[in-house]
N, C-alpha and C. Protein backbone atom coordinates (compact mmCIF):
# COMPACT_ATOMS: atom_id res chain seq x y z
N UNK A 1 -2.79 -14.42 -14.65
CA UNK A 1 -1.59 -14.76 -13.72
C UNK A 1 -1.28 -13.45 -13.04
N UNK A 2 -1.13 -13.65 -11.68
CA UNK A 2 -0.50 -12.43 -10.90
C UNK A 2 1.13 -12.54 -11.18
N UNK A 3 1.85 -11.25 -11.09
CA UNK A 3 3.10 -11.23 -10.86
C UNK A 3 3.60 -11.82 -9.67
N UNK A 4 4.80 -12.36 -9.49
CA UNK A 4 5.23 -12.88 -8.06
C UNK A 4 5.27 -11.92 -7.02
N UNK A 5 5.34 -10.61 -7.31
CA UNK A 5 5.35 -9.54 -6.26
C UNK A 5 4.07 -9.03 -5.79
N UNK A 6 3.15 -9.62 -6.35
CA UNK A 6 1.64 -9.20 -5.95
C UNK A 6 0.90 -10.49 -5.32
N UNK A 7 0.32 -10.23 -4.21
CA UNK A 7 -0.39 -11.16 -3.54
C UNK A 7 -1.90 -10.55 -3.09
N UNK A 8 -2.56 -11.57 -3.38
CA UNK A 8 -4.07 -11.08 -3.01
C UNK A 8 -4.59 -11.61 -1.57
N UNK A 9 -4.83 -10.84 -0.89
CA UNK A 9 -5.48 -11.12 0.56
C UNK A 9 -6.96 -10.92 0.45
N UNK A 10 -7.61 -11.78 0.88
CA UNK A 10 -9.03 -11.73 1.07
C UNK A 10 -9.39 -10.88 2.29
N UNK A 11 -10.18 -9.83 2.25
CA UNK A 11 -10.69 -9.27 3.21
C UNK A 11 -12.15 -9.53 3.48
N UNK A 12 -12.85 -9.49 4.79
CA UNK A 12 -14.22 -9.79 4.88
C UNK A 12 -14.96 -8.71 4.15
N UNK A 13 -16.13 -9.15 3.73
CA UNK A 13 -17.12 -8.19 3.19
C UNK A 13 -17.55 -7.07 4.05
N UNK A 14 -17.75 -5.96 3.66
CA UNK A 14 -18.31 -4.82 4.61
C UNK A 14 -17.38 -4.50 5.59
N UNK A 15 -16.20 -4.42 5.16
CA UNK A 15 -15.18 -3.88 6.28
C UNK A 15 -14.14 -2.87 5.67
N UNK A 16 -14.81 -1.65 5.37
CA UNK A 16 -14.06 -0.61 4.60
C UNK A 16 -12.85 -0.23 5.43
N UNK A 17 -12.76 -0.41 6.80
CA UNK A 17 -11.54 -0.24 7.75
C UNK A 17 -10.45 -0.85 7.22
N UNK A 18 -10.78 -2.18 6.67
CA UNK A 18 -9.61 -2.91 6.14
C UNK A 18 -9.15 -2.64 4.70
N UNK A 19 -9.88 -1.93 3.98
CA UNK A 19 -9.62 -1.34 2.61
C UNK A 19 -8.54 -0.37 2.58
N UNK A 20 -7.33 -0.85 1.89
CA UNK A 20 -6.32 0.35 1.94
C UNK A 20 -6.76 1.68 1.06
N UNK A 21 -7.48 1.43 0.16
CA UNK A 21 -8.14 2.41 -0.55
C UNK A 21 -8.93 3.63 0.36
N UNK A 22 -9.57 3.11 1.27
CA UNK A 22 -10.18 3.84 2.26
C UNK A 22 -9.25 4.79 3.19
N UNK A 23 -8.18 4.10 3.38
CA UNK A 23 -7.17 5.12 4.12
C UNK A 23 -6.53 6.18 3.38
N UNK A 24 -6.51 5.82 1.93
CA UNK A 24 -5.85 6.93 1.10
C UNK A 24 -7.02 8.02 1.31
N UNK A 25 -8.32 7.68 1.14
CA UNK A 25 -9.27 8.71 1.08
C UNK A 25 -9.32 9.53 2.25
N UNK A 26 -9.11 8.79 3.53
CA UNK A 26 -9.05 9.42 4.91
C UNK A 26 -7.92 10.46 4.90
N UNK A 27 -6.73 10.07 4.24
CA UNK A 27 -5.58 10.93 4.34
C UNK A 27 -5.94 12.18 3.43
N UNK A 28 -6.42 11.76 2.23
CA UNK A 28 -6.79 13.06 1.36
C UNK A 28 -7.87 14.05 2.13
N UNK A 29 -8.90 13.36 2.76
CA UNK A 29 -9.90 14.30 3.38
C UNK A 29 -9.18 15.02 4.56
N UNK A 30 -8.21 14.57 5.31
CA UNK A 30 -7.72 15.16 6.31
C UNK A 30 -6.76 16.16 5.83
N UNK A 31 -6.20 16.12 4.58
CA UNK A 31 -5.43 17.27 4.08
C UNK A 31 -6.39 18.24 3.40
N UNK A 32 -7.58 18.17 2.94
CA UNK A 32 -8.20 19.08 2.40
C UNK A 32 -9.44 19.74 3.30
N UNK A 33 -9.76 19.15 4.37
CA UNK A 33 -10.87 19.46 5.18
C UNK A 33 -10.69 20.54 6.11
N UNK A 34 -11.66 21.28 6.67
CA UNK A 34 -11.57 22.37 7.57
C UNK A 34 -10.80 23.47 6.86
N UNK A 35 -10.78 23.68 5.66
CA UNK A 35 -10.01 24.67 4.82
C UNK A 35 -10.99 25.40 3.93
N UNK A 36 -10.84 26.68 3.72
CA UNK A 36 -11.93 27.35 2.85
C UNK A 36 -11.03 27.56 1.46
N UNK A 37 -11.69 27.19 0.41
CA UNK A 37 -11.16 27.49 -0.87
C UNK A 37 -11.94 28.36 -1.64
N UNK A 38 -11.29 29.43 -2.30
CA UNK A 38 -12.11 30.44 -2.85
C UNK A 38 -12.96 29.96 -4.14
N UNK A 39 -12.45 29.11 -4.87
CA UNK A 39 -13.15 28.48 -6.05
C UNK A 39 -12.80 26.95 -6.05
N UNK A 40 -13.68 26.32 -6.85
CA UNK A 40 -13.40 24.84 -7.00
C UNK A 40 -12.16 24.57 -7.79
N UNK A 41 -11.70 25.34 -8.58
CA UNK A 41 -10.35 25.25 -9.24
C UNK A 41 -9.33 25.17 -8.05
N UNK A 42 -9.42 25.88 -7.17
CA UNK A 42 -8.23 25.89 -6.05
C UNK A 42 -8.44 24.58 -5.26
N UNK A 43 -9.72 24.20 -5.16
CA UNK A 43 -9.77 22.86 -4.33
C UNK A 43 -9.22 21.77 -5.47
N UNK A 44 -9.53 21.85 -6.55
CA UNK A 44 -8.93 20.69 -7.59
C UNK A 44 -7.60 20.98 -7.71
N UNK A 45 -6.94 21.98 -7.62
CA UNK A 45 -5.52 22.15 -7.57
C UNK A 45 -4.95 21.47 -6.37
N UNK A 46 -5.58 21.52 -5.18
CA UNK A 46 -4.88 21.00 -3.99
C UNK A 46 -5.06 19.49 -4.03
N UNK A 47 -6.05 19.03 -4.59
CA UNK A 47 -6.38 17.59 -4.62
C UNK A 47 -5.31 16.97 -5.60
N UNK A 48 -4.99 17.78 -6.69
CA UNK A 48 -4.03 17.24 -7.67
C UNK A 48 -2.70 17.28 -6.96
N UNK A 49 -2.40 18.33 -6.27
CA UNK A 49 -1.05 18.39 -5.53
C UNK A 49 -0.97 17.09 -4.54
N UNK A 50 -1.93 16.52 -3.84
CA UNK A 50 -1.93 15.54 -3.00
C UNK A 50 -1.93 14.22 -3.56
N UNK A 51 -2.50 13.99 -4.69
CA UNK A 51 -2.25 12.85 -5.74
C UNK A 51 -0.87 12.88 -6.30
N UNK A 52 -0.32 13.83 -6.58
CA UNK A 52 1.07 13.94 -7.05
C UNK A 52 2.07 13.44 -6.03
N UNK A 53 1.60 13.59 -4.68
CA UNK A 53 2.60 13.39 -3.63
C UNK A 53 2.49 11.70 -3.29
N UNK A 54 1.40 11.05 -3.76
CA UNK A 54 1.23 9.69 -3.59
C UNK A 54 2.16 8.74 -4.19
N UNK A 55 3.23 8.66 -3.65
CA UNK A 55 4.19 7.57 -4.22
C UNK A 55 4.58 6.53 -3.04
N UNK A 56 5.26 5.59 -3.53
CA UNK A 56 5.65 4.47 -2.67
C UNK A 56 5.80 4.45 -1.15
N UNK A 57 6.68 5.25 -0.72
CA UNK A 57 6.85 5.26 0.82
C UNK A 57 5.69 5.80 1.43
N UNK A 58 4.83 6.90 0.89
CA UNK A 58 3.76 7.59 1.40
C UNK A 58 2.57 6.66 1.37
N UNK A 59 2.36 6.04 0.31
CA UNK A 59 1.22 5.10 0.28
C UNK A 59 1.52 3.93 1.33
N UNK A 60 2.70 3.51 1.47
CA UNK A 60 2.95 2.27 2.29
C UNK A 60 2.69 2.71 3.62
N UNK A 61 2.99 4.09 4.07
CA UNK A 61 2.98 4.52 5.53
C UNK A 61 1.57 4.82 5.74
N UNK A 62 0.75 5.16 4.65
CA UNK A 62 -0.82 5.30 5.06
C UNK A 62 -1.50 4.05 5.12
N UNK A 63 -1.09 3.05 4.17
CA UNK A 63 -1.98 1.82 4.03
C UNK A 63 -1.42 0.62 4.76
N UNK A 64 -0.41 0.60 5.52
CA UNK A 64 0.34 -0.51 6.08
C UNK A 64 -0.57 -0.67 7.35
N UNK A 65 -1.15 -1.84 7.44
CA UNK A 65 -1.81 -2.32 8.52
C UNK A 65 -1.25 -3.49 9.06
N UNK A 66 -1.16 -3.80 10.20
CA UNK A 66 -0.41 -4.85 10.79
C UNK A 66 -1.13 -6.23 10.45
N UNK A 67 -2.46 -6.19 10.06
CA UNK A 67 -3.26 -7.37 9.60
C UNK A 67 -2.45 -7.71 8.27
N UNK A 68 -2.17 -6.70 7.24
CA UNK A 68 -1.69 -7.04 6.06
C UNK A 68 -0.19 -7.60 6.16
N UNK A 69 0.46 -6.87 6.95
CA UNK A 69 2.04 -7.29 7.29
C UNK A 69 2.18 -8.80 7.78
N UNK A 70 1.20 -9.06 8.74
CA UNK A 70 1.22 -10.40 9.29
C UNK A 70 1.08 -11.43 8.22
N UNK A 71 -0.06 -11.22 7.53
CA UNK A 71 -0.28 -12.03 6.42
C UNK A 71 0.83 -12.30 5.39
N UNK A 72 1.37 -10.97 5.01
CA UNK A 72 2.47 -11.04 3.96
C UNK A 72 3.71 -11.84 4.60
N UNK A 73 3.98 -11.63 5.91
CA UNK A 73 5.14 -12.50 6.48
C UNK A 73 4.82 -13.72 6.70
N UNK A 74 3.47 -14.21 6.81
CA UNK A 74 3.23 -15.63 7.07
C UNK A 74 3.29 -16.43 5.77
N UNK A 75 2.89 -15.73 4.63
CA UNK A 75 3.04 -16.29 3.25
C UNK A 75 4.45 -16.36 2.92
N UNK A 76 5.12 -15.28 3.01
CA UNK A 76 6.49 -15.30 2.31
C UNK A 76 7.63 -15.62 3.42
N UNK A 77 7.35 -15.91 4.73
CA UNK A 77 8.42 -16.42 5.80
C UNK A 77 9.39 -15.36 5.62
N UNK A 78 9.12 -13.91 5.80
CA UNK A 78 10.15 -12.86 5.76
C UNK A 78 10.49 -12.67 7.16
């Protein structure tokens, strides 16, 4: 049973552009790409820093699609 504050929205198959996790990966890649890291440890440290930044408002700003917001509003009449 899902908690009341979680709603499952079905997305079409083979639509990675609608998958919020894909937006997180794009954000991560944008923040580490086109940079030269001296070692893999430096790259790993940068990735860890980015992951630590991923909290509520940042995740919401990255993953908020109008598609999801409309579905949410239609379900909850917000």
